[in-house]
Amino acid sequence: MKKNSFLLELLKSPPFLIFLVLAILITIGVLIANHVEKEKVVKMKEDVIYIHPETKK
């Protein structure tokens, strides 16, 4: 019975709640960053070789 009350008090403690909120916010931030990054990726159908323009001498 003592072990259960310890876990209950731990879950209700302010430091644990702050840690839990921070962990959730970081996880949401990472998920949003990954989602936005995937939308900006340009997928090319073929390889493109860049040729430097000739300079006039």
N, C-alpha and C. Protein backbone atom coordinates (compact mmCIF):
# COMPACT_ATOMS: atom_id res chain seq x y z
N MET A 1 0.83 -1.19 0.00
CA MET A 1 0.00 0.00 0.00
C MET A 1 0.88 1.26 0.00
N LYS A 2 2.00 1.19 0.68
CA LYS A 2 2.89 2.34 0.76
C LYS A 2 3.46 2.70 -0.62
N LYS A 3 3.77 1.67 -1.41
CA LYS A 3 4.35 1.89 -2.74
C LYS A 3 3.36 2.63 -3.64
N ASN A 4 2.08 2.26 -3.58
CA ASN A 4 1.06 2.92 -4.40
C ASN A 4 0.90 4.39 -4.02
N SER A 5 0.94 4.70 -2.74
CA SER A 5 0.77 6.09 -2.32
C SER A 5 1.99 6.93 -2.75
N PHE A 6 3.18 6.31 -2.76
CA PHE A 6 4.37 7.02 -3.22
C PHE A 6 4.24 7.39 -4.69
N LEU A 7 3.81 6.43 -5.51
CA LEU A 7 3.65 6.70 -6.94
C LEU A 7 2.57 7.76 -7.18
N LEU A 8 1.51 7.71 -6.42
CA LEU A 8 0.44 8.69 -6.56
C LEU A 8 0.93 10.09 -6.21
N GLU A 9 1.68 10.21 -5.14
CA GLU A 9 2.24 11.51 -4.75
C GLU A 9 3.27 11.99 -5.77
N LEU A 10 4.05 11.07 -6.33
CA LEU A 10 5.02 11.44 -7.35
C LEU A 10 4.31 12.01 -8.58
N LEU A 11 3.25 11.36 -9.00
CA LEU A 11 2.51 11.83 -10.18
C LEU A 11 1.85 13.19 -9.95
N LYS A 12 1.49 13.49 -8.72
CA LYS A 12 0.83 14.76 -8.40
C LYS A 12 1.81 15.88 -8.08
N SER A 13 3.11 15.57 -7.96
CA SER A 13 4.07 16.58 -7.55
C SER A 13 4.33 17.59 -8.68
N PRO A 14 4.49 18.87 -8.33
CA PRO A 14 4.72 19.91 -9.35
C PRO A 14 5.94 19.67 -10.24
N PRO A 15 7.09 19.24 -9.72
CA PRO A 15 8.23 19.01 -10.62
C PRO A 15 7.93 17.94 -11.68
N PHE A 16 7.23 16.88 -11.29
CA PHE A 16 6.89 15.84 -12.25
C PHE A 16 5.92 16.37 -13.30
N LEU A 17 4.95 17.17 -12.89
CA LEU A 17 3.99 17.74 -13.84
C LEU A 17 4.69 18.69 -14.82
N ILE A 18 5.63 19.49 -14.31
CA ILE A 18 6.39 20.39 -15.18
C ILE A 18 7.20 19.59 -16.19
N PHE A 19 7.86 18.52 -15.71
CA PHE A 19 8.63 17.65 -16.60
C PHE A 19 7.73 17.02 -17.66
N LEU A 20 6.55 16.58 -17.26
CA LEU A 20 5.62 15.96 -18.19
C LEU A 20 5.15 16.95 -19.26
N VAL A 21 4.84 18.17 -18.85
CA VAL A 21 4.40 19.20 -19.80
C VAL A 21 5.53 19.55 -20.77
N LEU A 22 6.75 19.69 -20.28
CA LEU A 22 7.89 19.99 -21.14
C LEU A 22 8.15 18.85 -22.14
N ALA A 23 8.05 17.63 -21.68
CA ALA A 23 8.25 16.48 -22.58
C ALA A 23 7.20 16.45 -23.68
N ILE A 24 5.97 16.76 -23.33
CA ILE A 24 4.89 16.79 -24.33
C ILE A 24 5.12 17.92 -25.32
N LEU A 25 5.51 19.10 -24.85
CA LEU A 25 5.76 20.24 -25.74
C LEU A 25 6.93 19.96 -26.69
N ILE A 26 7.99 19.35 -26.18
CA ILE A 26 9.14 19.03 -27.03
C ILE A 26 8.73 18.01 -28.09
N THR A 27 7.97 17.01 -27.70
CA THR A 27 7.52 15.99 -28.66
C THR A 27 6.65 16.61 -29.74
N ILE A 28 5.74 17.50 -29.36
CA ILE A 28 4.88 18.17 -30.35
C ILE A 28 5.72 19.04 -31.27
N GLY A 29 6.70 19.75 -30.71
CA GLY A 29 7.57 20.59 -31.53
C GLY A 29 8.36 19.79 -32.55
N VAL A 30 8.88 18.65 -32.14
CA VAL A 30 9.63 17.80 -33.06
C VAL A 30 8.72 17.26 -34.16
N LEU A 31 7.54 16.84 -33.81
CA LEU A 31 6.60 16.32 -34.81
C LEU A 31 6.21 17.41 -35.82
N ILE A 32 5.97 18.63 -35.33
CA ILE A 32 5.62 19.73 -36.23
C ILE A 32 6.80 20.07 -37.13
N ALA A 33 8.00 20.11 -36.57
CA ALA A 33 9.19 20.44 -37.37
C ALA A 33 9.42 19.40 -38.46
N ASN A 34 9.24 18.14 -38.14
CA ASN A 34 9.42 17.09 -39.15
C ASN A 34 8.35 17.17 -40.22
N HIS A 35 7.13 17.51 -39.84
CA HIS A 35 6.05 17.59 -40.81
C HIS A 35 6.26 18.76 -41.77
N VAL A 36 6.66 19.90 -41.25
CA VAL A 36 6.89 21.08 -42.08
C VAL A 36 8.07 20.85 -43.01
N GLU A 37 9.12 20.19 -42.51
CA GLU A 37 10.31 19.94 -43.31
C GLU A 37 9.99 19.02 -44.49
N LYS A 38 9.14 18.04 -44.28
CA LYS A 38 8.80 17.11 -45.35
C LYS A 38 8.00 17.80 -46.45
N GLU A 39 7.21 18.80 -46.11
CA GLU A 39 6.41 19.51 -47.12
C GLU A 39 7.30 20.36 -48.03
N LYS A 40 8.42 20.85 -47.52
CA LYS A 40 9.29 21.74 -48.28
C LYS A 40 10.27 20.99 -49.19
N VAL A 41 10.36 19.68 -49.02
CA VAL A 41 11.32 18.90 -49.80
C VAL A 41 10.84 18.81 -51.24
N VAL A 42 11.74 19.09 -52.17
CA VAL A 42 11.42 18.99 -53.58
C VAL A 42 11.93 17.65 -54.08
N LYS A 43 11.05 16.88 -54.64
CA LYS A 43 11.45 15.58 -55.17
C LYS A 43 11.70 15.72 -56.66
N MET A 44 12.90 15.35 -57.08
CA MET A 44 13.26 15.45 -58.48
C MET A 44 13.09 14.09 -59.15
N LYS A 45 12.58 14.12 -60.37
CA LYS A 45 12.35 12.88 -61.09
C LYS A 45 13.63 12.37 -61.73
N GLU A 46 14.56 13.24 -62.03
CA GLU A 46 15.80 12.82 -62.66
C GLU A 46 16.96 13.66 -62.14
N ASP A 47 18.15 13.18 -62.33
CA ASP A 47 19.33 13.92 -61.89
C ASP A 47 19.56 15.10 -62.84
N VAL A 48 19.95 16.21 -62.27
CA VAL A 48 20.22 17.41 -63.06
C VAL A 48 21.67 17.80 -62.86
N ILE A 49 22.37 18.03 -63.94
CA ILE A 49 23.76 18.46 -63.85
C ILE A 49 23.79 19.97 -64.06
N TYR A 50 24.44 20.67 -63.14
CA TYR A 50 24.53 22.12 -63.26
C TYR A 50 25.76 22.47 -64.08
N ILE A 51 25.55 23.25 -65.13
CA ILE A 51 26.66 23.68 -65.99
C ILE A 51 26.84 25.17 -65.75
N HIS A 52 28.08 25.55 -65.42
CA HIS A 52 28.39 26.96 -65.20
C HIS A 52 28.22 27.74 -66.50
N PRO A 53 27.59 28.90 -66.45
CA PRO A 53 27.48 29.69 -67.67
C PRO A 53 28.85 30.21 -68.12
N GLU A 54 29.04 30.28 -69.42
CA GLU A 54 30.32 30.74 -69.94
C GLU A 54 30.41 32.25 -69.71
N THR A 55 31.59 32.65 -69.25
CA THR A 55 31.81 34.09 -69.04
C THR A 55 32.44 34.68 -70.31
N LYS A 56 32.02 35.88 -70.65
CA LYS A 56 32.56 36.54 -71.84
C LYS A 56 33.90 37.17 -71.49
N LYS A 57 34.90 36.95 -72.35
CA LYS A 57 36.24 37.50 -72.10
C LYS A 57 36.53 38.66 -72.99
